[in-house]
Amino acid sequence: MSEGGTVRSMLEANEVRLLSPFAQLSARTRGREREEPECPIRPAFQHDRDRILHSKAFRRLIHKTQVFLSPGGDHYRTRLTHTLEVSQIGRTIAKGLRLNEDLTEAIALGHDLGHTPFGHAGEDLLNEIMPEGFSHHEQSLRVVRILENNGLGLNLTAEVRDGILKHSKGRRDFLYPGEADGPLTLEGEVIRAADVIAYINHDIDDALRAGLIQEHELPRDCSIALGGTHSSRIHTMVSDLLSQSADCPHLQMSEETHAACLKLRDFLFEKVYLHPRTLQEMAKATQILKELFEYFTDHLSEIPEEILRVNGGSSRERAVCDFLAGMTDRYAMMTFERLFLPRPWMIF
């Protein structure tokens, strides 16, 4: 290595030499909210990835619901395993298109940090309660900008923050044909697609395991277009994205594969996410969070000091919202039990 050079500068030079013209180069980041010395070893997006990986919010994902609340089996997905699957699929797409894998992985690892306990049931309740509404992608950005690191945030680059904010799509299309409000980077578009590819396939797998659906109920035309197994569907979706998006400034899919993905997603909403058994359990979870919200709104002093400090100039509802959104499923249930359920009488 030449005098004055660093490992980081060597890696940045490799990006210039190897990556696609459409890739986001680490050396050309739009920067951080607060200036800081650059790491001599890690390019900016690798540094961001590491900060997210070591955060408390990332560790809590292991005990947050993906779809099935407090599953009895060990093989159901959690918010953490979902995040890892999104990361793996995203990196495969990024590698195939010669995009920035570090940026792709950083966005993937951070995209669900703001998710509530009990999955979308918790998100829906907080959206209903909070005057300004609530969404997990905005809360994920709030986590990395403000709540982590004792209120200092992680000071991530603009590209990672943007990808986290814009990963969510609800039931809208996950492909961006160049709209003005789309992700700043093609890597951000990759995670929007990888998120859908991951959850469509692992939610089918989990729903089959739970007995909510049977194999023969899957739409036949989707199985013909994508394949009849978990691995074949993912392979088809990723391969199609790579073949259709080569040398393009935005992600593209063939009409047949794209339509099959959207149809499978609609199938999941109808047969799994809105299944009576699913809704019954979600209603219980919603009630737990609703009572916790009311309790802590009246007992603000019981919220951790660091959350109160961050929210010093905000409403008490905002502080309670941050506290509840950061809870794991099991912590929320333990807190509910401690506050509202009678304990066995102790005889001394």
Protein backbone atom coordinates (compact mmCIF):
# COMPACT_ATOMS: atom_id res chain seq x y z
CA MET A 1 0.00 0.00 0.00
CA SER A 2 1.36 3.40 -0.93
CA GLU A 3 2.48 5.88 1.69
CA GLY A 4 -0.46 7.78 3.09
CA GLY A 5 -2.93 5.18 1.81
CA THR A 6 -5.43 3.32 3.96
CA VAL A 7 -7.35 0.07 3.71
CA ARG A 8 -10.44 2.21 3.18
CA SER A 9 -8.95 4.09 0.24
CA MET A 10 -7.93 0.78 -1.36
CA LEU A 11 -11.47 -0.59 -0.98
CA GLU A 12 -12.96 2.63 -2.35
CA ALA A 13 -10.65 2.37 -5.38
CA ASN A 14 -11.85 -1.20 -5.92
CA GLU A 15 -15.45 0.04 -5.98
CA VAL A 16 -14.62 2.53 -8.74
CA ARG A 17 -12.94 -0.23 -10.74
CA LEU A 18 -15.46 -3.03 -10.24
CA LEU A 19 -18.93 -1.62 -9.63
CA SER A 20 -21.64 -0.71 -12.11
CA PRO A 21 -22.04 2.94 -13.24
CA PHE A 22 -25.42 2.78 -11.48
CA ALA A 23 -23.91 1.74 -8.12
CA GLN A 24 -23.55 4.17 -5.22
CA LEU A 25 -19.85 4.56 -4.47
CA SER A 26 -18.85 4.84 -0.83
CA ALA A 27 -16.48 7.73 -1.53
CA ARG A 28 -19.35 9.70 -3.09
CA THR A 29 -21.76 9.45 -0.19
CA ARG A 30 -23.92 12.49 0.47
CA GLY A 31 -22.49 12.36 3.98
CA ARG A 32 -23.63 12.16 7.57
CA GLU A 33 -25.76 14.55 9.59
CA ARG A 34 -22.77 15.28 11.84
CA GLU A 35 -19.23 15.41 10.54
CA GLU A 36 -16.84 12.85 12.02
CA PRO A 37 -13.40 11.43 11.18
CA GLU A 38 -13.51 8.69 8.58
CA CYS A 39 -12.56 5.16 9.59
CA PRO A 40 -9.15 4.25 8.11
CA ILE A 41 -10.31 0.67 7.48
CA ARG A 42 -14.00 0.68 6.60
CA PRO A 43 -15.71 2.60 3.77
CA ALA A 44 -18.71 4.64 4.89
CA PHE A 45 -21.44 2.09 4.20
CA GLN A 46 -19.53 -0.79 5.77
CA HIS A 47 -19.11 1.40 8.86
CA ASP A 48 -22.87 2.03 8.87
CA ARG A 49 -23.57 -1.69 8.55
CA ASP A 50 -21.40 -2.40 11.59
CA ARG A 51 -23.06 0.33 13.67
CA ILE A 52 -26.49 -1.13 12.97
CA LEU A 53 -25.35 -4.67 13.66
CA HIS A 54 -24.01 -3.68 17.10
CA SER A 55 -27.05 -1.59 18.09
CA LYS A 56 -29.48 -2.55 20.85
CA ALA A 57 -32.43 -2.17 18.50
CA PHE A 58 -30.97 -4.80 16.18
CA ARG A 59 -30.56 -7.30 19.02
CA ARG A 60 -34.18 -6.83 20.07
CA LEU A 61 -35.42 -8.02 16.66
CA ILE A 62 -34.88 -11.62 17.74
CA HIS A 63 -37.90 -11.37 20.06
CA LYS A 64 -40.23 -9.39 17.79
CA THR A 65 -43.04 -11.00 15.79
CA GLN A 66 -42.90 -11.38 12.04
CA VAL A 67 -46.41 -12.83 11.51
CA PHE A 68 -47.06 -15.48 14.17
CA LEU A 69 -47.22 -14.23 17.74
CA SER A 70 -45.06 -16.07 20.29
CA PRO A 71 -44.91 -19.20 18.12
CA GLY A 72 -44.58 -22.48 19.96
CA GLY A 73 -42.20 -23.96 17.38
CA ASP A 74 -38.56 -23.03 16.93
CA HIS A 75 -38.69 -22.74 13.14
CA TYR A 76 -41.03 -19.78 12.65
CA ARG A 77 -39.52 -16.53 11.47
CA THR A 78 -38.94 -13.61 13.79
CA ARG A 79 -38.25 -10.02 12.80
CA LEU A 80 -34.53 -10.82 13.07
CA THR A 81 -34.55 -13.87 10.81
CA HIS A 82 -36.68 -11.92 8.33
CA THR A 83 -34.06 -9.16 8.36
CA LEU A 84 -31.27 -11.66 7.71
CA GLU A 85 -33.19 -13.21 4.80
CA VAL A 86 -33.77 -9.76 3.30
CA SER A 87 -30.06 -9.07 3.68
CA GLN A 88 -29.07 -12.31 1.96
CA ILE A 89 -31.46 -11.83 -0.96
CA GLY A 90 -30.50 -8.17 -1.26
CA ARG A 91 -26.80 -8.95 -1.38
CA THR A 92 -27.36 -11.63 -4.02
CA ILE A 93 -29.16 -9.10 -6.23
CA ALA A 94 -26.58 -6.40 -5.55
CA LYS A 95 -23.69 -8.74 -6.38
CA GLY A 96 -25.37 -9.82 -9.60
CA LEU A 97 -25.91 -6.21 -10.71
CA ARG A 98 -22.47 -5.06 -9.47
CA LEU A 99 -23.99 -2.70 -6.93
CA ASN A 100 -22.62 -1.69 -3.52
CA GLU A 101 -23.13 -4.71 -1.27
CA ASP A 102 -22.18 -2.83 1.90
CA LEU A 103 -24.85 -0.19 1.29
CA THR A 104 -27.40 -2.87 0.40
CA GLU A 105 -26.67 -4.82 3.57
CA ALA A 106 -26.72 -1.73 5.80
CA ILE A 107 -30.19 -0.77 4.54
CA ALA A 108 -31.40 -4.36 4.97
CA LEU A 109 -30.16 -4.67 8.56
CA GLY A 110 -31.71 -1.33 9.52
CA HIS A 111 -35.00 -1.46 7.65
CA ASP A 112 -37.15 -2.94 10.45
CA LEU A 113 -35.43 -1.53 13.56
CA GLY A 114 -38.52 0.55 14.34
CA HIS A 115 -41.01 -2.29 14.10
CA THR A 116 -43.32 -2.63 17.08
CA PRO A 117 -43.91 -5.76 19.15
CA PHE A 118 -46.65 -8.02 17.76
CA GLY A 119 -45.90 -7.14 14.15
CA HIS A 120 -48.33 -5.02 12.19
CA ALA A 121 -50.94 -5.26 14.95
CA GLY A 122 -48.73 -3.03 17.10
CA GLU A 123 -48.04 -0.71 14.20
CA ASP A 124 -51.74 -0.34 13.41
CA LEU A 125 -52.60 0.48 17.03
CA LEU A 126 -49.92 3.17 17.38
CA ASN A 127 -50.96 4.63 14.03
CA GLU A 128 -54.50 4.88 15.37
CA ILE A 129 -53.47 6.41 18.71
CA MET A 130 -50.76 8.87 17.70
CA PRO A 131 -52.10 12.24 16.45
CA GLU A 132 -49.41 12.35 13.73
CA GLY A 133 -49.82 8.66 12.92
CA PHE A 134 -47.17 5.95 13.10
CA SER A 135 -45.32 3.81 10.57
CA HIS A 136 -42.52 1.37 11.22
CA HIS A 137 -40.31 2.75 8.44
CA GLU A 138 -40.44 6.27 9.90
CA GLN A 139 -39.80 4.81 13.36
CA SER A 140 -36.83 2.85 12.00
CA LEU A 141 -35.36 6.13 10.79
CA ARG A 142 -36.09 7.70 14.18
CA VAL A 143 -34.25 4.84 15.89
CA VAL A 144 -31.05 5.32 13.90
CA ARG A 145 -31.19 9.12 13.91
CA ILE A 146 -32.25 9.80 17.50
CA LEU A 147 -33.05 6.93 19.83
CA GLU A 148 -30.00 4.69 19.60
CA ASN A 149 -26.71 5.41 21.38
CA ASN A 150 -28.34 7.12 24.38
CA GLY A 151 -30.08 9.72 22.26
CA LEU A 152 -27.16 10.49 19.95
CA GLY A 153 -28.28 8.20 17.15
CA LEU A 154 -25.94 6.24 14.89
CA ASN A 155 -25.08 9.16 12.57
CA LEU A 156 -25.55 7.07 9.44
CA THR A 157 -24.99 8.23 5.89
CA ALA A 158 -27.80 9.84 3.91
CA GLU A 159 -28.07 6.86 1.55
CA VAL A 160 -28.63 4.34 4.35
CA ARG A 161 -31.15 6.59 6.10
CA ASP A 162 -33.01 7.09 2.82
CA GLY A 163 -33.10 3.36 2.07
CA ILE A 164 -34.48 2.61 5.54
CA LEU A 165 -37.19 5.24 5.19
CA LYS A 166 -38.30 4.19 1.71
CA HIS A 167 -38.18 0.42 1.98
CA SER A 168 -41.84 0.03 2.95
CA LYS A 169 -44.52 -0.36 0.34
CA GLY A 170 -47.60 -1.86 2.03
CA ARG A 171 -49.70 -3.32 -0.80
CA ARG A 172 -48.31 -0.91 -3.38
CA ASP A 173 -45.94 -2.02 -6.13
CA PHE A 174 -42.43 -2.76 -4.91
CA LEU A 175 -40.78 -1.65 -8.16
CA TYR A 176 -39.99 2.03 -8.74
CA PRO A 177 -40.04 3.08 -12.40
CA GLY A 178 -38.25 6.34 -11.59
CA GLU A 179 -40.74 8.31 -9.48
CA ALA A 180 -39.45 11.45 -7.80
CA ASP A 181 -40.17 10.08 -4.31
CA GLY A 182 -38.32 6.81 -4.86
CA PRO A 183 -35.10 5.72 -3.14
CA LEU A 184 -32.01 7.80 -3.79
CA THR A 185 -30.02 4.73 -4.80
CA LEU A 186 -30.52 1.57 -6.79
CA GLU A 187 -29.40 -0.28 -3.67
CA GLY A 188 -32.43 1.19 -1.90
CA GLU A 189 -34.65 -0.18 -4.67
CA VAL A 190 -33.02 -3.59 -4.23
CA ILE A 191 -34.06 -3.75 -0.57
CA ARG A 192 -37.66 -2.80 -1.41
CA ALA A 193 -37.76 -5.81 -3.74
CA ALA A 194 -35.75 -8.12 -1.46
CA ASP A 195 -38.12 -7.38 1.44
CA VAL A 196 -41.11 -8.54 -0.63
CA ILE A 197 -39.31 -11.58 -2.04
CA ALA A 198 -38.30 -12.61 1.48
CA TYR A 199 -41.64 -12.20 3.22
CA ILE A 200 -43.75 -13.69 0.42
CA ASN A 201 -41.72 -16.87 0.54
CA HIS A 202 -41.05 -17.25 4.25
CA ASP A 203 -44.63 -16.35 5.18
CA ILE A 204 -45.88 -19.08 2.84
CA ASP A 205 -43.47 -21.48 4.53
CA ASP A 206 -44.60 -20.46 8.03
CA ALA A 207 -48.29 -20.53 7.11
CA LEU A 208 -47.92 -24.06 5.75
CA ARG A 209 -46.16 -25.09 8.97
CA ALA A 210 -48.94 -23.49 11.05
CA GLY A 211 -51.68 -25.22 9.05
CA LEU A 212 -53.31 -21.97 7.95
CA ILE A 213 -52.95 -22.97 4.30
CA GLN A 214 -52.29 -26.15 2.36
CA GLU A 215 -49.87 -26.57 -0.54
CA HIS A 216 -52.67 -27.19 -3.03
CA GLU A 217 -54.28 -23.83 -2.16
CA LEU A 218 -51.40 -21.80 -3.60
CA PRO A 219 -52.47 -20.18 -6.90
CA ARG A 220 -51.64 -22.68 -9.64
CA ASP A 221 -50.57 -20.06 -12.17
CA CYS A 222 -48.09 -18.64 -9.61
CA SER A 223 -46.60 -22.09 -9.05
CA ILE A 224 -46.23 -22.55 -12.80
CA ALA A 225 -44.60 -19.13 -13.22
CA LEU A 226 -42.37 -19.18 -10.13
CA GLY A 227 -41.94 -22.81 -9.13
CA GLY A 228 -43.56 -25.03 -6.55
CA THR A 229 -41.00 -24.86 -3.75
CA HIS A 230 -39.59 -22.21 -1.42
CA SER A 231 -36.16 -22.24 -3.05
CA SER A 232 -37.42 -22.36 -6.63
CA ARG A 233 -39.70 -19.34 -6.09
CA ILE A 234 -36.86 -17.26 -4.66
CA HIS A 235 -34.51 -18.38 -7.43
CA THR A 236 -37.03 -17.43 -10.13
CA MET A 237 -37.77 -14.01 -8.61
CA VAL A 238 -34.09 -13.12 -8.13
CA SER A 239 -33.01 -14.50 -11.51
CA ASP A 240 -35.76 -12.55 -13.26
CA LEU A 241 -34.77 -9.33 -11.52
CA LEU A 242 -31.14 -9.81 -12.52
CA SER A 243 -31.88 -10.59 -16.16
CA GLN A 244 -34.38 -7.76 -16.57
CA SER A 245 -32.38 -5.12 -14.64
CA ALA A 246 -28.92 -5.60 -16.14
CA ASP A 247 -27.45 -2.23 -17.20
CA CYS A 248 -30.64 -0.40 -16.12
CA PRO A 249 -30.92 2.60 -13.77
CA HIS A 250 -33.96 1.05 -12.02
CA LEU A 251 -35.02 -2.47 -11.05
CA GLN A 252 -37.27 -4.25 -13.50
CA MET A 253 -39.10 -7.58 -13.68
CA SER A 254 -40.75 -9.46 -16.51
CA GLU A 255 -44.50 -8.97 -16.67
CA GLU A 256 -45.23 -12.64 -15.86
CA THR A 257 -42.96 -12.84 -12.80
CA HIS A 258 -44.02 -9.43 -11.50
CA ALA A 259 -47.71 -10.32 -11.78
CA ALA A 260 -47.13 -13.67 -10.03
CA CYS A 261 -45.33 -11.94 -7.13
CA LEU A 262 -48.18 -9.48 -6.63
CA LYS A 263 -50.78 -12.24 -6.84
CA LEU A 264 -48.97 -14.33 -4.22
CA ARG A 265 -48.81 -11.28 -1.96
CA ASP A 266 -52.57 -10.75 -2.34
CA PHE A 267 -53.08 -14.46 -1.57
CA LEU A 268 -51.14 -14.06 1.69
CA PHE A 269 -53.22 -11.08 2.77
CA GLU A 270 -56.44 -12.99 2.13
CA LYS A 271 -55.47 -16.40 3.46
CA VAL A 272 -52.88 -15.65 6.17
CA TYR A 273 -52.65 -12.05 7.38
CA LEU A 274 -56.46 -11.67 7.50
CA HIS A 275 -57.20 -15.26 8.55
CA PRO A 276 -59.64 -15.38 11.53
CA ARG A 277 -57.05 -17.19 13.71
CA THR A 278 -54.44 -14.56 12.90
CA LEU A 279 -56.84 -11.69 13.56
CA GLN A 280 -57.96 -13.24 16.86
CA GLU A 281 -54.43 -13.32 18.20
CA MET A 282 -53.68 -9.86 16.85
CA ALA A 283 -56.71 -8.48 18.69
CA LYS A 284 -55.30 -9.79 21.97
CA ALA A 285 -51.93 -8.21 21.22
CA THR A 286 -53.59 -4.92 20.34
CA GLN A 287 -55.39 -4.86 23.68
CA ILE A 288 -52.13 -5.45 25.55
CA LEU A 289 -50.43 -2.49 23.84
CA LYS A 290 -53.50 -0.28 24.22
CA GLU A 291 -53.57 -0.78 28.00
CA LEU A 292 -49.83 -0.30 28.25
CA PHE A 293 -50.10 2.96 26.30
CA GLU A 294 -52.80 4.27 28.63
CA TYR A 295 -50.86 3.21 31.72
CA PHE A 296 -47.53 4.79 30.78
CA THR A 297 -49.22 7.97 29.57
CA ASP A 298 -50.37 8.40 33.18
CA HIS A 299 -47.09 7.11 34.70
CA LEU A 300 -44.46 8.83 32.60
CA SER A 301 -41.82 8.56 35.31
CA GLU A 302 -41.71 4.77 34.81
CA ILE A 303 -40.37 5.15 31.27
CA PRO A 304 -36.56 4.81 30.91
CA GLU A 305 -34.76 8.07 31.51
CA GLU A 306 -32.95 8.09 28.16
CA ILE A 307 -36.28 8.00 26.27
CA LEU A 308 -37.66 10.82 28.43
CA ARG A 309 -34.53 12.87 27.81
CA VAL A 310 -34.75 12.47 24.04
CA ASN A 311 -38.41 13.48 24.14
CA GLY A 312 -37.94 16.40 26.51
CA GLY A 313 -39.59 18.86 24.16
CA SER A 314 -42.21 16.50 22.81
CA SER A 315 -45.59 15.29 23.99
CA ARG A 316 -45.88 12.53 26.56
CA GLU A 317 -47.57 10.41 23.89
CA ARG A 318 -44.41 10.57 21.77
CA ALA A 319 -42.29 9.27 24.65
CA VAL A 320 -44.73 6.45 25.37
CA CYS A 321 -44.82 5.59 21.67
CA ASP A 322 -41.01 5.33 21.51
CA PHE A 323 -41.00 3.15 24.63
CA LEU A 324 -43.68 0.75 23.38
CA ALA A 325 -42.33 0.55 19.82
CA GLY A 326 -38.96 -0.53 21.18
CA MET A 327 -40.39 -3.38 23.28
CA THR A 328 -40.04 -7.00 22.29
CA ASP A 329 -43.12 -9.21 22.33
CA ARG A 330 -42.05 -10.97 25.49
CA TYR A 331 -41.12 -7.75 27.30
CA ALA A 332 -44.51 -6.25 26.45
CA MET A 333 -46.28 -9.34 27.79
CA MET A 334 -44.12 -9.45 30.92
CA THR A 335 -44.82 -5.76 31.56
CA PHE A 336 -48.54 -6.27 31.04
CA GLU A 337 -48.51 -9.24 33.43
CA ARG A 338 -46.59 -7.24 36.06
CA LEU A 339 -48.95 -4.26 35.85
CA PHE A 340 -52.36 -5.83 35.35
CA LEU A 341 -52.45 -9.49 36.36
CA PRO A 342 -52.64 -10.63 40.00
CA ARG A 343 -49.69 -12.48 41.41
CA PRO A 344 -50.01 -15.59 43.56
CA TRP A 345 -50.45 -14.66 47.22
CA MET A 346 -47.21 -15.16 49.11
CA ILE A 347 -47.50 -16.64 52.61
CA PHE A 348 -44.53 -16.04 54.86
